[in-house]
Structure formats: C-alpha cells, structure tokens
C-alpha cells in the first residue's frame, strides 16, 4: 500500500468529518471564520490519528480479530505444509 492509498484514506476521513463539524457549528448559529477553522483543525487532527493508527497496524502486520474470524478454515492438508 503506497502513499497514494494512505493519502486517500486520510482525505476520506478528514473531508466528511469536517463537513459534519461545520454543519454542527452552522446548526448552533455561530458560524464564524474561527468556528470553521476550528472544525478544519479538529477534522485534520482526528483524521491524522485515524490514519496513523491504521498505518501503524499495517506496518506491524497486526490483524484484527474480526478479519481472522472471517477467514476460511484451513483444511488438514493445508495445515501439514
């Protein structure tokens, strides 16, 4: 997984989060430039944490329990190899 994958993953997390935070500020009725900047910063930080943790798990080859449970069982012949 190259840099383009991780950049795309970051953007797929940051953009919707920014939209949600901006809508919340707009719904409160206090939409100023400072509120929009705050939403952008929080979205960037949260997406960076999300992507950084995913990249770290990928780098260390840590698999999730749900992924392991979804994998098909190995046959006795495949286990002997």
C-alpha atoms as a PDB file:
ATOM      1  CA  UNK A   1       0.000   0.000   0.000  1.00  0.00           C
ATOM      2  CA  UNK A   2       1.655   3.096  -1.247  1.00  0.00           C
ATOM      3  CA  UNK A   3       1.457   6.724  -0.208  1.00  0.00           C
ATOM      4  CA  UNK A   4      -1.498   7.385  -2.503  1.00  0.00           C
ATOM      5  CA  UNK A   5      -3.579   4.825  -0.595  1.00  0.00           C
ATOM      6  CA  UNK A   6      -2.818   6.460   2.751  1.00  0.00           C
ATOM      7  CA  UNK A   7      -3.413   9.987   1.442  1.00  0.00           C
ATOM      8  CA  UNK A   8      -6.755   8.866   0.016  1.00  0.00           C
ATOM      9  CA  UNK A   9      -7.651   7.184   3.293  1.00  0.00           C
ATOM     10  CA  UNK A  10      -6.761  10.376   5.183  1.00  0.00           C
ATOM     11  CA  UNK A  11      -8.904  12.500   2.892  1.00  0.00           C
ATOM     12  CA  UNK A  12     -11.809  10.050   3.101  1.00  0.00           C
ATOM     13  CA  UNK A  13     -11.708  10.504   6.877  1.00  0.00           C
ATOM     14  CA  UNK A  14     -10.994  14.253   7.047  1.00  0.00           C
ATOM     15  CA  UNK A  15     -13.449  15.638   4.498  1.00  0.00           C
ATOM     16  CA  UNK A  16     -16.652  14.054   5.877  1.00  0.00           C
ATOM     17  CA  UNK A  17     -15.572  14.824   9.436  1.00  0.00           C
ATOM     18  CA  UNK A  18     -15.008  18.462   8.523  1.00  0.00           C
ATOM     19  CA  UNK A  19     -18.430  18.583   6.883  1.00  0.00           C
ATOM     20  CA  UNK A  20     -20.078  17.141   9.993  1.00  0.00           C
ATOM     21  CA  UNK A  21     -18.285  19.558  12.314  1.00  0.00           C
ATOM     22  CA  UNK A  22     -19.063  22.533  10.060  1.00  0.00           C
ATOM     23  CA  UNK A  23     -22.760  21.588   9.943  1.00  0.00           C
ATOM     24  CA  UNK A  24     -22.817  21.336  13.740  1.00  0.00           C
ATOM     25  CA  UNK A  25     -21.334  24.825  14.011  1.00  0.00           C
ATOM     26  CA  UNK A  26     -23.841  26.105  11.467  1.00  0.00           C
ATOM     27  CA  UNK A  27     -26.728  24.477  13.375  1.00  0.00           C
ATOM     28  CA  UNK A  28     -25.607  26.219  16.571  1.00  0.00           C
ATOM     29  CA  UNK A  29     -25.983  29.502  14.716  1.00  0.00           C
ATOM     30  CA  UNK A  30     -22.494  30.759  15.496  1.00  0.00           C
ATOM     31  CA  UNK A  31     -20.757  30.169  12.204  1.00  0.00           C
ATOM     32  CA  UNK A  32     -17.742  32.438  12.040  1.00  0.00           C
ATOM     33  CA  UNK A  33     -14.413  32.066  10.320  1.00  0.00           C
ATOM     34  CA  UNK A  34     -12.915  30.977  13.641  1.00  0.00           C
ATOM     35  CA  UNK A  35     -15.535  28.212  14.028  1.00  0.00           C
ATOM     36  CA  UNK A  36     -14.872  26.903  10.523  1.00  0.00           C
ATOM     37  CA  UNK A  37     -11.111  26.958  11.159  1.00  0.00           C
ATOM     38  CA  UNK A  38     -11.655  25.080  14.416  1.00  0.00           C
ATOM     39  CA  UNK A  39     -13.720  22.434  12.593  1.00  0.00           C
ATOM     40  CA  UNK A  40     -10.978  22.083   9.968  1.00  0.00           C
ATOM     41  CA  UNK A  41      -8.245  21.686  12.580  1.00  0.00           C
ATOM     42  CA  UNK A  42     -10.213  19.099  14.585  1.00  0.00           C
ATOM     43  CA  UNK A  43     -11.018  17.171  11.406  1.00  0.00           C
ATOM     44  CA  UNK A  44      -7.362  17.204  10.337  1.00  0.00           C
ATOM     45  CA  UNK A  45      -6.137  16.024  13.742  1.00  0.00           C
ATOM     46  CA  UNK A  46      -8.763  13.285  14.088  1.00  0.00           C
ATOM     47  CA  UNK A  47      -8.145  12.007  10.553  1.00  0.00           C
ATOM     48  CA  UNK A  48      -4.387  12.019  11.171  1.00  0.00           C
ATOM     49  CA  UNK A  49      -4.839   9.915  14.306  1.00  0.00           C
ATOM     50  CA  UNK A  50      -7.194   7.520  12.498  1.00  0.00           C
ATOM     51  CA  UNK A  51      -4.858   7.119   9.530  1.00  0.00           C
ATOM     52  CA  UNK A  52      -1.725   6.945  11.689  1.00  0.00           C
ATOM     53  CA  UNK A  53      -3.136   4.122  13.804  1.00  0.00           C
ATOM     54  CA  UNK A  54      -4.229   2.222  10.685  1.00  0.00           C
ATOM     55  CA  UNK A  55      -0.799   2.680   9.097  1.00  0.00           C
ATOM     56  CA  UNK A  56       0.932   1.526  12.292  1.00  0.00           C
ATOM     57  CA  UNK A  57      -1.245  -1.612  12.425  1.00  0.00           C
ATOM     58  CA  UNK A  58      -0.470  -2.259   8.748  1.00  0.00           C
ATOM     59  CA  UNK A  59       3.262  -1.729   9.275  1.00  0.00           C
ATOM     60  CA  UNK A  60       3.347  -4.150  12.214  1.00  0.00           C
ATOM     61  CA  UNK A  61       1.117  -6.631  10.336  1.00  0.00           C
ATOM     62  CA  UNK A  62      -1.433  -6.720  13.170  1.00  0.00           C
ATOM     63  CA  UNK A  63      -4.648  -8.373  12.076  1.00  0.00           C
ATOM     64  CA  UNK A  64      -7.998  -7.722  13.630  1.00  0.00           C
ATOM     65  CA  UNK A  65      -9.982 -10.500  15.306  1.00  0.00           C
ATOM     66  CA  UNK A  66     -12.945  -9.875  13.016  1.00  0.00           C
ATOM     67  CA  UNK A  67     -10.746 -10.363   9.931  1.00  0.00           C
ATOM     68  CA  UNK A  68      -9.343 -13.594  11.360  1.00  0.00           C
ATOM     69  CA  UNK A  69     -12.842 -14.894  12.141  1.00  0.00           C
ATOM     70  CA  UNK A  70     -13.994 -14.170   8.588  1.00  0.00           C
ATOM     71  CA  UNK A  71     -11.095 -16.130   7.038  1.00  0.00           C
ATOM     72  CA  UNK A  72     -11.992 -19.616   5.819  1.00  0.00           C
ATOM     73  CA  UNK A  73     -10.776 -22.516   7.930  1.00  0.00           C
ATOM     74  CA  UNK A  74      -7.687 -24.317   6.680  1.00  0.00           C
ATOM     75  CA  UNK A  75      -8.024 -27.936   5.728  1.00  0.00           C
ATOM     76  CA  UNK A  76      -5.950 -30.640   7.420  1.00  0.00           C
ATOM     77  CA  UNK A  77      -3.893 -31.000   4.228  1.00  0.00           C
ATOM     78  CA  UNK A  78      -3.044 -27.279   4.162  1.00  0.00           C
ATOM     79  CA  UNK A  79      -2.046 -27.318   7.858  1.00  0.00           C
ATOM     80  CA  UNK A  80       0.539 -30.090   7.292  1.00  0.00           C
ATOM     81  CA  UNK A  81       2.540 -27.986   4.810  1.00  0.00           C
END
